[in-house]
Structure formats: C-alpha cells, structure tokens
Amino acid sequence: MEMVQIPKADYEAIISAREELEDILAFDRAMVDRGDGLPHDFMLRLIKGENALRVFREWRGFSQSALSRASRVHRVQIADIEAGRANASVQTWKKLAEALDVEIGELV
C-alpha cells in the first residue's frame, strides 16, 4: 500500500470540502425529488446564459409542439422566443409559465 503525507491543515481542508460537496449534492437530490429544484446540469445551462424558456421546456420534457399545445402559444412564437428573435407579452409569458409549472420570473 502506498502512503502519502500531507500537512494536517491540508487534510482537514480536503475533508471539509468533501463534506460540503456531499451536503450540496444531498440538497440538490432532495430538491429534485420534491420537484422544487432544477437539476444541476439544467442550472448550469441557465448560468451559462442559455435561453430560460428552452431550458425549462426541456427539463419538463416538452417539445416545442407539446408546449405549444399545453400553453396555447403558437409553436413558431416559442421557437422565436427561444432563438432570441422575438419577445413575448406578459400574457404569453404567463401561459408558458403555467404550462411549465414555473414562475414567470424564472423564464424572463
């Protein structure tokens, strides 16, 4: 068996970081299990600036056509919003948010 020696302070920092990561992962799993949290990979997409409507649509498992049917918003309008070619009225955002079961503020 190979042995490695490191200063005690470094060892304690590694243990602390591991425990913190385990806590974060447990919290993320609990939020997803409750349906309240956005999975990590989807959250990273939002952080990187990807269109929120697309991220939430894909998270909920909707195609653009399925979201169109669920929200009563034309599919082309959804595609234009996701591509950044168009914006939407408050009423349209409300329909999309309701269909995706998210707050309007999460989409805009």
PDB file of N, CA and C in Angstrom:
ATOM      1  N   MET A   1       0.842  -1.162   0.000  1.00  0.00           N
ATOM      2  CA  MET A   1       0.000   0.000   0.000  1.00  0.00           C
ATOM      3  C   MET A   1       0.898   1.240   0.000  1.00  0.00           C
ATOM      4  N   GLU A   2       0.563   2.183  -0.895  1.00  0.00           N
ATOM      5  CA  GLU A   2       1.318   3.426  -0.949  1.00  0.00           C
ATOM      6  C   GLU A   2       0.774   4.406   0.077  1.00  0.00           C
ATOM      7  N   MET A   3       1.654   5.197   0.615  1.00  0.00           N
ATOM      8  CA  MET A   3       1.268   6.194   1.621  1.00  0.00           C
ATOM      9  C   MET A   3       1.656   7.576   1.104  1.00  0.00           C
ATOM     10  N   VAL A   4       0.857   8.545   1.482  1.00  0.00           N
ATOM     11  CA  VAL A   4       1.128   9.931   1.126  1.00  0.00           C
ATOM     12  C   VAL A   4       1.030  10.748   2.401  1.00  0.00           C
ATOM     13  N   GLN A   5       1.954  11.643   2.577  1.00  0.00           N
ATOM     14  CA  GLN A   5       1.905  12.518   3.742  1.00  0.00           C
ATOM     15  C   GLN A   5       1.602  13.933   3.282  1.00  0.00           C
ATOM     16  N   ILE A   6       0.639  14.547   3.959  1.00  0.00           N
ATOM     17  CA  ILE A   6       0.332  15.943   3.689  1.00  0.00           C
ATOM     18  C   ILE A   6       0.130  16.632   5.033  1.00  0.00           C
ATOM     19  N   PRO A   7       0.290  17.933   5.047  1.00  0.00           N
ATOM     20  CA  PRO A   7       0.065  18.649   6.304  1.00  0.00           C
ATOM     21  C   PRO A   7      -1.373  18.450   6.790  1.00  0.00           C
ATOM     22  N   LYS A   8      -1.521  18.418   8.121  1.00  0.00           N
ATOM     23  CA  LYS A   8      -2.826  18.188   8.721  1.00  0.00           C
ATOM     24  C   LYS A   8      -3.840  19.225   8.249  1.00  0.00           C
ATOM     25  N   ALA A   9      -3.441  20.471   8.114  1.00  0.00           N
ATOM     26  CA  ALA A   9      -4.356  21.529   7.671  1.00  0.00           C
ATOM     27  C   ALA A   9      -4.890  21.232   6.262  1.00  0.00           C
ATOM     28  N   ASP A  10      -4.045  20.713   5.372  1.00  0.00           N
ATOM     29  CA  ASP A  10      -4.480  20.343   4.022  1.00  0.00           C
ATOM     30  C   ASP A  10      -5.466  19.179   4.079  1.00  0.00           C
ATOM     31  N   TYR A  11      -5.168  18.190   4.913  1.00  0.00           N
ATOM     32  CA  TYR A  11      -6.057  17.044   5.087  1.00  0.00           C
ATOM     33  C   TYR A  11      -7.431  17.502   5.579  1.00  0.00           C
ATOM     34  N   GLU A  12      -7.449  18.371   6.575  1.00  0.00           N
ATOM     35  CA  GLU A  12      -8.712  18.856   7.121  1.00  0.00           C
ATOM     36  C   GLU A  12      -9.485  19.673   6.078  1.00  0.00           C
ATOM     37  N   ALA A  13      -8.782  20.432   5.245  1.00  0.00           N
ATOM     38  CA  ALA A  13      -9.438  21.203   4.184  1.00  0.00           C
ATOM     39  C   ALA A  13     -10.074  20.268   3.154  1.00  0.00           C
ATOM     40  N   ILE A  14      -9.400  19.190   2.826  1.00  0.00           N
ATOM     41  CA  ILE A  14      -9.934  18.205   1.879  1.00  0.00           C
ATOM     42  C   ILE A  14     -11.184  17.547   2.456  1.00  0.00           C
ATOM     43  N   ILE A  15     -11.129  17.135   3.716  1.00  0.00           N
ATOM     44  CA  ILE A  15     -12.282  16.504   4.369  1.00  0.00           C
ATOM     45  C   ILE A  15     -13.460  17.480   4.421  1.00  0.00           C
ATOM     46  N   SER A  16     -13.178  18.715   4.772  1.00  0.00           N
ATOM     47  CA  SER A  16     -14.229  19.729   4.854  1.00  0.00           C
ATOM     48  C   SER A  16     -14.865  19.962   3.487  1.00  0.00           C
ATOM     49  N   ALA A  17     -14.049  20.053   2.447  1.00  0.00           N
ATOM     50  CA  ALA A  17     -14.563  20.260   1.092  1.00  0.00           C
ATOM     51  C   ALA A  17     -15.421  19.073   0.654  1.00  0.00           C
ATOM     52  N   ARG A  18     -14.985  17.867   0.970  1.00  0.00           N
ATOM     53  CA  ARG A  18     -15.767  16.676   0.625  1.00  0.00           C
ATOM     54  C   ARG A  18     -17.119  16.683   1.328  1.00  0.00           C
ATOM     55  N   GLU A  19     -17.130  17.020   2.606  1.00  0.00           N
ATOM     56  CA  GLU A  19     -18.384  17.065   3.365  1.00  0.00           C
ATOM     57  C   GLU A  19     -19.321  18.136   2.804  1.00  0.00           C
ATOM     58  N   GLU A  20     -18.753  19.282   2.432  1.00  0.00           N
ATOM     59  CA  GLU A  20     -19.567  20.348   1.864  1.00  0.00           C
ATOM     60  C   GLU A  20     -20.168  19.908   0.528  1.00  0.00           C
ATOM     61  N   LEU A  21     -19.385  19.247  -0.296  1.00  0.00           N
ATOM     62  CA  LEU A  21     -19.884  18.743  -1.572  1.00  0.00           C
ATOM     63  C   LEU A  21     -20.991  17.717  -1.352  1.00  0.00           C
ATOM     64  N   GLU A  22     -20.819  16.822  -0.401  1.00  0.00           N
ATOM     65  CA  GLU A  22     -21.853  15.825  -0.101  1.00  0.00           C
ATOM     66  C   GLU A  22     -23.143  16.508   0.343  1.00  0.00           C
ATOM     67  N   ASP A  23     -23.036  17.562   1.141  1.00  0.00           N
ATOM     68  CA  ASP A  23     -24.212  18.310   1.576  1.00  0.00           C
ATOM     69  C   ASP A  23     -24.917  18.974   0.392  1.00  0.00           C
ATOM     70  N   ILE A  24     -24.142  19.565  -0.487  1.00  0.00           N
ATOM     71  CA  ILE A  24     -24.713  20.228  -1.664  1.00  0.00           C
ATOM     72  C   ILE A  24     -25.426  19.211  -2.543  1.00  0.00           C
ATOM     73  N   LEU A  25     -24.797  18.074  -2.786  1.00  0.00           N
ATOM     74  CA  LEU A  25     -25.413  17.045  -3.621  1.00  0.00           C
ATOM     75  C   LEU A  25     -26.678  16.487  -2.980  1.00  0.00           C
ATOM     76  N   ALA A  26     -26.654  16.292  -1.669  1.00  0.00           N
ATOM     77  CA  ALA A  26     -27.846  15.798  -0.961  1.00  0.00           C
ATOM     78  C   ALA A  26     -28.975  16.808  -1.071  1.00  0.00           C
ATOM     79  N   PHE A  27     -28.655  18.081  -0.917  1.00  0.00           N
ATOM     80  CA  PHE A  27     -29.670  19.128  -1.041  1.00  0.00           C
ATOM     81  C   PHE A  27     -30.252  19.134  -2.451  1.00  0.00           C
ATOM     82  N   ASP A  28     -29.381  19.073  -3.464  1.00  0.00           N
ATOM     83  CA  ASP A  28     -29.852  19.053  -4.857  1.00  0.00           C
ATOM     84  C   ASP A  28     -30.771  17.868  -5.109  1.00  0.00           C
ATOM     85  N   ARG A  29     -30.389  16.686  -4.613  1.00  0.00           N
ATOM     86  CA  ARG A  29     -31.230  15.498  -4.799  1.00  0.00           C
ATOM     87  C   ARG A  29     -32.586  15.677  -4.119  1.00  0.00           C
ATOM     88  N   ALA A  30     -32.584  16.234  -2.923  1.00  0.00           N
ATOM     89  CA  ALA A  30     -33.839  16.443  -2.195  1.00  0.00           C
ATOM     90  C   ALA A  30     -34.741  17.423  -2.937  1.00  0.00           C
ATOM     91  N   MET A  31     -34.182  18.476  -3.462  1.00  0.00           N
ATOM     92  CA  MET A  31     -34.983  19.456  -4.186  1.00  0.00           C
ATOM     93  C   MET A  31     -35.579  18.843  -5.445  1.00  0.00           C
ATOM     94  N   VAL A  32     -34.788  18.052  -6.159  1.00  0.00           N
ATOM     95  CA  VAL A  32     -35.284  17.413  -7.371  1.00  0.00           C
ATOM     96  C   VAL A  32     -36.358  16.391  -7.013  1.00  0.00           C
ATOM     97  N   ASP A  33     -36.136  15.609  -5.967  1.00  0.00           N
ATOM     98  CA  ASP A  33     -37.117  14.606  -5.544  1.00  0.00           C
ATOM     99  C   ASP A  33     -38.446  15.253  -5.181  1.00  0.00           C
ATOM    100  N   ARG A  34     -38.397  16.439  -4.594  1.00  0.00           N
ATOM    101  CA  ARG A  34     -39.621  17.158  -4.226  1.00  0.00           C
ATOM    102  C   ARG A  34     -40.238  17.844  -5.427  1.00  0.00           C
ATOM    103  N   GLY A  35     -39.488  17.931  -6.505  1.00  0.00           N
ATOM    104  CA  GLY A  35     -39.984  18.636  -7.679  1.00  0.00           C
ATOM    105  C   GLY A  35     -39.754  20.130  -7.617  1.00  0.00           C
ATOM    106  N   ASP A  36     -39.036  20.605  -6.595  1.00  0.00           N
ATOM    107  CA  ASP A  36     -38.826  22.036  -6.413  1.00  0.00           C
ATOM    108  C   ASP A  36     -37.555  22.543  -7.071  1.00  0.00           C
ATOM    109  N   GLY A  37     -36.630  21.662  -7.329  1.00  0.00           N
ATOM    110  CA  GLY A  37     -35.330  22.129  -7.771  1.00  0.00           C
ATOM    111  C   GLY A  37     -35.020  21.769  -9.204  1.00  0.00           C
ATOM    112  N   LEU A  38     -34.261  22.610  -9.814  1.00  0.00           N
ATOM    113  CA  LEU A  38     -33.784  22.375 -11.165  1.00  0.00           C
ATOM    114  C   LEU A  38     -32.510  21.542 -11.064  1.00  0.00           C
ATOM    115  N   PRO A  39     -32.441  20.421 -11.783  1.00  0.00           N
ATOM    116  CA  PRO A  39     -31.224  19.609 -11.719  1.00  0.00           C
ATOM    117  C   PRO A  39     -29.983  20.418 -12.096  1.00  0.00           C
ATOM    118  N   HIS A  40     -28.881  20.008 -11.565  1.00  0.00           N
ATOM    119  CA  HIS A  40     -27.615  20.729 -11.707  1.00  0.00           C
ATOM    120  C   HIS A  40     -27.269  21.040 -13.160  1.00  0.00           C
ATOM    121  N   ASP A  41     -27.387  20.050 -14.052  1.00  0.00           N
ATOM    122  CA  ASP A  41     -26.993  20.292 -15.442  1.00  0.00           C
ATOM    123  C   ASP A  41     -27.881  21.343 -16.110  1.00  0.00           C
ATOM    124  N   PHE A  42     -29.159  21.392 -15.745  1.00  0.00           N
ATOM    125  CA  PHE A  42     -30.038  22.424 -16.283  1.00  0.00           C
ATOM    126  C   PHE A  42     -29.694  23.787 -15.687  1.00  0.00           C
ATOM    127  N   MET A  43     -29.367  23.805 -14.394  1.00  0.00           N
ATOM    128  CA  MET A  43     -28.979  25.057 -13.743  1.00  0.00           C
ATOM    129  C   MET A  43     -27.712  25.619 -14.393  1.00  0.00           C
ATOM    130  N   LEU A  44     -26.772  24.764 -14.702  1.00  0.00           N
ATOM    131  CA  LEU A  44     -25.545  25.223 -15.366  1.00  0.00           C
ATOM    132  C   LEU A  44     -25.851  25.855 -16.720  1.00  0.00           C
ATOM    133  N   ARG A  45     -26.808  25.293 -17.430  1.00  0.00           N
ATOM    134  CA  ARG A  45     -27.194  25.865 -18.724  1.00  0.00           C
ATOM    135  C   ARG A  45     -27.726  27.288 -18.545  1.00  0.00           C
ATOM    136  N   LEU A  46     -28.525  27.495 -17.499  1.00  0.00           N
ATOM    137  CA  LEU A  46     -29.034  28.847 -17.230  1.00  0.00           C
ATOM    138  C   LEU A  46     -27.901  29.794 -16.869  1.00  0.00           C
ATOM    139  N   ILE A  47     -26.986  29.322 -16.026  1.00  0.00           N
ATOM    140  CA  ILE A  47     -25.854  30.147 -15.601  1.00  0.00           C
ATOM    141  C   ILE A  47     -25.007  30.559 -16.804  1.00  0.00           C
ATOM    142  N   LYS A  48     -24.879  29.651 -17.769  1.00  0.00           N
ATOM    143  CA  LYS A  48     -24.088  29.945 -18.966  1.00  0.00           C
ATOM    144  C   LYS A  48     -24.816  30.861 -19.949  1.00  0.00           C
ATOM    145  N   GLY A  49     -26.088  31.192 -19.636  1.00  0.00           N
ATOM    146  CA  GLY A  49     -26.815  32.145 -20.457  1.00  0.00           C
ATOM    147  C   GLY A  49     -27.729  31.544 -21.502  1.00  0.00           C
ATOM    148  N   GLU A  50     -27.941  30.236 -21.449  1.00  0.00           N
ATOM    149  CA  GLU A  50     -28.850  29.627 -22.415  1.00  0.00           C
ATOM    150  C   GLU A  50     -30.271  30.133 -22.169  1.00  0.00           C
ATOM    151  N   ASN A  51     -31.061  30.190 -23.203  1.00  0.00           N
ATOM    152  CA  ASN A  51     -32.431  30.688 -23.115  1.00  0.00           C
ATOM    153  C   ASN A  51     -33.217  29.906 -22.068  1.00  0.00           C
ATOM    154  N   ALA A  52     -33.795  30.643 -21.105  1.00  0.00           N
ATOM    155  CA  ALA A  52     -34.501  30.017 -19.984  1.00  0.00           C
ATOM    156  C   ALA A  52     -35.722  29.228 -20.432  1.00  0.00           C
ATOM    157  N   LEU A  53     -36.448  29.740 -21.421  1.00  0.00           N
ATOM    158  CA  LEU A  53     -37.626  29.012 -21.903  1.00  0.00           C
ATOM    159  C   LEU A  53     -37.226  27.641 -22.432  1.00  0.00           C
ATOM    160  N   ARG A  54     -36.156  27.588 -23.201  1.00  0.00           N
ATOM    161  CA  ARG A  54     -35.682  26.309 -23.743  1.00  0.00           C
ATOM    162  C   ARG A  54     -35.257  25.361 -22.614  1.00  0.00           C
ATOM    163  N   VAL A  55     -34.500  25.883 -21.653  1.00  0.00           N
ATOM    164  CA  VAL A  55     -34.016  25.047 -20.550  1.00  0.00           C
ATOM    165  C   VAL A  55     -35.183  24.459 -19.765  1.00  0.00           C
ATOM    166  N   PHE A  56     -36.138  25.303 -19.377  1.00  0.00           N
ATOM    167  CA  PHE A  56     -37.275  24.801 -18.604  1.00  0.00           C
ATOM    168  C   PHE A  56     -38.160  23.889 -19.439  1.00  0.00           C
ATOM    169  N   ARG A  57     -38.326  24.178 -20.713  1.00  0.00           N
ATOM    170  CA  ARG A  57     -39.124  23.315 -21.593  1.00  0.00           C
ATOM    171  C   ARG A  57     -38.513  21.921 -21.667  1.00  0.00           C
ATOM    172  N   GLU A  58     -37.204  21.871 -21.880  1.00  0.00           N
ATOM    173  CA  GLU A  58     -36.531  20.570 -21.984  1.00  0.00           C
ATOM    174  C   GLU A  58     -36.519  19.850 -20.639  1.00  0.00           C
ATOM    175  N   TRP A  59     -36.365  20.604 -19.536  1.00  0.00           N
ATOM    176  CA  TRP A  59     -36.405  19.996 -18.207  1.00  0.00           C
ATOM    177  C   TRP A  59     -37.749  19.314 -17.975  1.00  0.00           C
ATOM    178  N   ARG A  60     -38.825  19.957 -18.390  1.00  0.00           N
ATOM    179  CA  ARG A  60     -40.166  19.394 -18.206  1.00  0.00           C
ATOM    180  C   ARG A  60     -40.504  18.329 -19.250  1.00  0.00           C
ATOM    181  N   GLY A  61     -39.606  18.136 -20.222  1.00  0.00           N
ATOM    182  CA  GLY A  61     -39.805  17.076 -21.207  1.00  0.00           C
ATOM    183  C   GLY A  61     -40.737  17.441 -22.350  1.00  0.00           C
ATOM    184  N   PHE A  62     -40.903  18.740 -22.609  1.00  0.00           N
ATOM    185  CA  PHE A  62     -41.765  19.191 -23.695  1.00  0.00           C
ATOM    186  C   PHE A  62     -40.963  19.411 -24.971  1.00  0.00           C
ATOM    187  N   SER A  63     -41.528  19.027 -26.094  1.00  0.00           N
ATOM    188  CA  SER A  63     -41.036  19.521 -27.372  1.00  0.00           C
ATOM    189  C   SER A  63     -41.671  20.900 -27.552  1.00  0.00           C
ATOM    190  N   GLN A  64     -41.229  21.641 -28.557  1.00  0.00           N
ATOM    191  CA  GLN A  64     -41.872  22.933 -28.801  1.00  0.00           C
ATOM    192  C   GLN A  64     -43.348  22.740 -29.147  1.00  0.00           C
ATOM    193  N   SER A  65     -43.648  21.707 -29.914  1.00  0.00           N
ATOM    194  CA  SER A  65     -45.045  21.442 -30.291  1.00  0.00           C
ATOM    195  C   SER A  65     -45.897  21.093 -29.081  1.00  0.00           C
ATOM    196  N   ALA A  66     -45.358  20.263 -28.196  1.00  0.00           N
ATOM    197  CA  ALA A  66     -46.111  19.871 -26.999  1.00  0.00           C
ATOM    198  C   ALA A  66     -46.344  21.076 -26.088  1.00  0.00           C
ATOM    199  N   LEU A  67     -45.332  21.932 -25.942  1.00  0.00           N
ATOM    200  CA  LEU A  67     -45.510  23.134 -25.132  1.00  0.00           C
ATOM    201  C   LEU A  67     -46.533  24.057 -25.781  1.00  0.00           C
ATOM    202  N   SER A  68     -46.517  24.121 -27.085  1.00  0.00           N
ATOM    203  CA  SER A  68     -47.494  24.928 -27.805  1.00  0.00           C
ATOM    204  C   SER A  68     -48.914  24.464 -27.494  1.00  0.00           C
ATOM    205  N   ARG A  69     -49.134  23.175 -27.530  1.00  0.00           N
ATOM    206  CA  ARG A  69     -50.470  22.639 -27.224  1.00  0.00           C
ATOM    207  C   ARG A  69     -50.849  22.904 -25.765  1.00  0.00           C
ATOM    208  N   ALA A  70     -49.889  22.690 -24.857  1.00  0.00           N
ATOM    209  CA  ALA A  70     -50.174  22.856 -23.423  1.00  0.00           C
ATOM    210  C   ALA A  70     -50.414  24.313 -23.033  1.00  0.00           C
ATOM    211  N   SER A  71     -49.743  25.227 -23.703  1.00  0.00           N
ATOM    212  CA  SER A  71     -49.814  26.640 -23.333  1.00  0.00           C
ATOM    213  C   SER A  71     -50.759  27.463 -24.216  1.00  0.00           C
ATOM    214  N   ARG A  72     -51.126  26.905 -25.369  1.00  0.00           N
ATOM    215  CA  ARG A  72     -51.926  27.635 -26.351  1.00  0.00           C
ATOM    216  C   ARG A  72     -51.149  28.833 -26.914  1.00  0.00           C
ATOM    217  N   VAL A  73     -49.826  28.664 -27.013  1.00  0.00           N
ATOM    218  CA  VAL A  73     -48.953  29.662 -27.649  1.00  0.00           C
ATOM    219  C   VAL A  73     -48.415  28.995 -28.916  1.00  0.00           C
ATOM    220  N   HIS A  74     -48.456  29.709 -30.033  1.00  0.00           N
ATOM    221  CA  HIS A  74     -48.035  29.127 -31.315  1.00  0.00           C
ATOM    222  C   HIS A  74     -46.587  28.629 -31.240  1.00  0.00           C
ATOM    223  N   ARG A  75     -46.340  27.481 -31.852  1.00  0.00           N
ATOM    224  CA  ARG A  75     -45.013  26.870 -31.818  1.00  0.00           C
ATOM    225  C   ARG A  75     -43.954  27.790 -32.424  1.00  0.00           C
ATOM    226  N   VAL A  76     -44.289  28.486 -33.489  1.00  0.00           N
ATOM    227  CA  VAL A  76     -43.322  29.391 -34.122  1.00  0.00           C
ATOM    228  C   VAL A  76     -42.937  30.512 -33.158  1.00  0.00           C
ATOM    229  N   GLN A  77     -43.889  31.002 -32.382  1.00  0.00           N
ATOM    230  CA  GLN A  77     -43.578  32.043 -31.404  1.00  0.00           C
ATOM    231  C   GLN A  77     -42.635  31.494 -30.337  1.00  0.00           C
ATOM    232  N   ILE A  78     -42.868  30.261 -29.902  1.00  0.00           N
ATOM    233  CA  ILE A  78     -41.969  29.635 -28.923  1.00  0.00           C
ATOM    234  C   ILE A  78     -40.566  29.515 -29.509  1.00  0.00           C
ATOM    235  N   ALA A  79     -40.476  29.058 -30.751  1.00  0.00           N
ATOM    236  CA  ALA A  79     -39.169  28.927 -31.415  1.00  0.00           C
ATOM    237  C   ALA A  79     -38.478  30.285 -31.528  1.00  0.00           C
ATOM    238  N   ASP A  80     -39.239  31.323 -31.874  1.00  0.00           N
ATOM    239  CA  ASP A  80     -38.653  32.667 -31.997  1.00  0.00           C
ATOM    240  C   ASP A  80     -38.173  33.198 -30.650  1.00  0.00           C
ATOM    241  N   ILE A  81     -38.926  32.950 -29.584  1.00  0.00           N
ATOM    242  CA  ILE A  81     -38.513  33.388 -28.252  1.00  0.00           C
ATOM    243  C   ILE A  81     -37.227  32.667 -27.855  1.00  0.00           C
ATOM    244  N   GLU A  82     -37.192  31.360 -28.070  1.00  0.00           N
ATOM    245  CA  GLU A  82     -36.003  30.584 -27.701  1.00  0.00           C
ATOM    246  C   GLU A  82     -34.774  31.002 -28.494  1.00  0.00           C
ATOM    247  N   ALA A  83     -34.973  31.388 -29.749  1.00  0.00           N
ATOM    248  CA  ALA A  83     -33.847  31.793 -30.600  1.00  0.00           C
ATOM    249  C   ALA A  83     -33.451  33.253 -30.378  1.00  0.00           C
ATOM    250  N   GLY A  84     -34.227  33.973 -29.562  1.00  0.00           N
ATOM    251  CA  GLY A  84     -33.918  35.376 -29.313  1.00  0.00           C
ATOM    252  C   GLY A  84     -34.367  36.300 -30.419  1.00  0.00           C
ATOM    253  N   ARG A  85     -35.216  35.809 -31.329  1.00  0.00           N
ATOM    254  CA  ARG A  85     -35.711  36.631 -32.437  1.00  0.00           C
ATOM    255  C   ARG A  85     -36.941  37.444 -32.046  1.00  0.00           C
ATOM    256  N   ALA A  86     -37.571  37.074 -30.929  1.00  0.00           N
ATOM    257  CA  ALA A  86     -38.797  37.760 -30.510  1.00  0.00           C
ATOM    258  C   ALA A  86     -38.907  37.711 -29.001  1.00  0.00           C
ATOM    259  N   ASN A  87     -39.696  38.632 -28.481  1.00  0.00           N
ATOM    260  CA  ASN A  87     -40.035  38.620 -27.067  1.00  0.00           C
ATOM    261  C   ASN A  87     -41.514  38.274 -26.982  1.00  0.00           C
ATOM    262  N   ALA A  88     -42.065  38.283 -25.811  1.00  0.00           N
ATOM    263  CA  ALA A  88     -43.462  37.902 -25.655  1.00  0.00           C
ATOM    264  C   ALA A  88     -44.166  38.893 -24.750  1.00  0.00           C
ATOM    265  N   SER A  89     -45.476  38.907 -24.865  1.00  0.00           N
ATOM    266  CA  SER A  89     -46.288  39.739 -23.972  1.00  0.00           C
ATOM    267  C   SER A  89     -46.337  39.077 -22.599  1.00  0.00           C
ATOM    268  N   VAL A  90     -46.765  39.830 -21.623  1.00  0.00           N
ATOM    269  CA  VAL A  90     -46.911  39.283 -20.271  1.00  0.00           C
ATOM    270  C   VAL A  90     -47.887  38.108 -20.295  1.00  0.00           C
ATOM    271  N   GLN A  91     -48.963  38.239 -21.068  1.00  0.00           N
ATOM    272  CA  GLN A  91     -49.960  37.165 -21.153  1.00  0.00           C
ATOM    273  C   GLN A  91     -49.337  35.888 -21.734  1.00  0.00           C
ATOM    274  N   THR A  92     -48.504  36.035 -22.743  1.00  0.00           N
ATOM    275  CA  THR A  92     -47.842  34.865 -23.337  1.00  0.00           C
ATOM    276  C   THR A  92     -46.887  34.231 -22.334  1.00  0.00           C
ATOM    277  N   TRP A  93     -46.098  35.062 -21.637  1.00  0.00           N
ATOM    278  CA  TRP A  93     -45.189  34.522 -20.617  1.00  0.00           C
ATOM    279  C   TRP A  93     -45.980  33.786 -19.541  1.00  0.00           C
ATOM    280  N   LYS A  94     -47.134  34.325 -19.189  1.00  0.00           N
ATOM    281  CA  LYS A  94     -47.972  33.689 -18.168  1.00  0.00           C
ATOM    282  C   LYS A  94     -48.434  32.319 -18.637  1.00  0.00           C
ATOM    283  N   LYS A  95     -48.887  32.211 -19.872  1.00  0.00           N
ATOM    284  CA  LYS A  95     -49.326  30.925 -20.418  1.00  0.00           C
ATOM    285  C   LYS A  95     -48.180  29.910 -20.423  1.00  0.00           C
ATOM    286  N   LEU A  96     -47.003  30.365 -20.849  1.00  0.00           N
ATOM    287  CA  LEU A  96     -45.844  29.465 -20.901  1.00  0.00           C
ATOM    288  C   LEU A  96     -45.437  29.021 -19.498  1.00  0.00           C
ATOM    289  N   ALA A  97     -45.407  29.966 -18.569  1.00  0.00           N
ATOM    290  CA  ALA A  97     -45.029  29.639 -17.190  1.00  0.00           C
ATOM    291  C   ALA A  97     -46.006  28.650 -16.567  1.00  0.00           C
ATOM    292  N   GLU A  98     -47.297  28.852 -16.795  1.00  0.00           N
ATOM    293  CA  GLU A  98     -48.295  27.929 -16.249  1.00  0.00           C
ATOM    294  C   GLU A  98     -48.124  26.531 -16.833  1.00  0.00           C
ATOM    295  N   ALA A  99     -47.897  26.450 -18.133  1.00  0.00           N
ATOM    296  CA  ALA A  99     -47.730  25.144 -18.771  1.00  0.00           C
ATOM    297  C   ALA A  99     -46.478  24.428 -18.252  1.00  0.00           C
ATOM    298  N   LEU A 100     -45.439  25.203 -17.945  1.00  0.00           N
ATOM    299  CA  LEU A 100     -44.183  24.624 -17.453  1.00  0.00           C
ATOM    300  C   LEU A 100     -44.151  24.486 -15.933  1.00  0.00           C
ATOM    301  N   ASP A 101     -45.175  25.007 -15.257  1.00  0.00           N
ATOM    302  CA  ASP A 101     -45.267  24.971 -13.806  1.00  0.00           C
ATOM    303  C   ASP A 101     -44.068  25.651 -13.131  1.00  0.00           C
ATOM    304  N   VAL A 102     -43.773  26.858 -13.635  1.00  0.00           N
ATOM    305  CA  VAL A 102     -42.712  27.693 -13.067  1.00  0.00           C
ATOM    306  C   VAL A 102     -43.247  29.111 -12.930  1.00  0.00           C
ATOM    307  N   GLU A 103     -42.526  29.939 -12.203  1.00  0.00           N
ATOM    308  CA  GLU A 103     -42.875  31.354 -12.074  1.00  0.00           C
ATOM    309  C   GLU A 103     -42.437  32.095 -13.337  1.00  0.00           C
ATOM    310  N   ILE A 104     -43.183  33.129 -13.708  1.00  0.00           N
ATOM    311  CA  ILE A 104     -42.830  33.919 -14.895  1.00  0.00           C
ATOM    312  C   ILE A 104     -41.395  34.437 -14.774  1.00  0.00           C
ATOM    313  N   GLY A 105     -41.020  34.880 -13.580  1.00  0.00           N
ATOM    314  CA  GLY A 105     -39.692  35.432 -13.366  1.00  0.00           C
ATOM    315  C   GLY A 105     -38.560  34.457 -13.670  1.00  0.00           C
ATOM    316  N   GLU A 106     -38.849  33.173 -13.628  1.00  0.00           N
ATOM    317  CA  GLU A 106     -37.819  32.190 -13.957  1.00  0.00           C
ATOM    318  C   GLU A 106     -37.577  32.109 -15.457  1.00  0.00           C
ATOM    319  N   LEU A 107     -38.557  32.541 -16.228  1.00  0.00           N
ATOM    320  CA  LEU A 107     -38.436  32.478 -17.695  1.00  0.00           C
ATOM    321  C   LEU A 107     -37.883  33.756 -18.309  1.00  0.00           C
ATOM    322  N   VAL A 108     -38.183  34.895 -17.693  1.00  0.00           N
ATOM    323  CA  VAL A 108     -37.800  36.174 -18.290  1.00  0.00           C
ATOM    324  C   VAL A 108     -36.499  36.686 -17.748  1.00  0.00           C
TER     325      VAL A 108
END
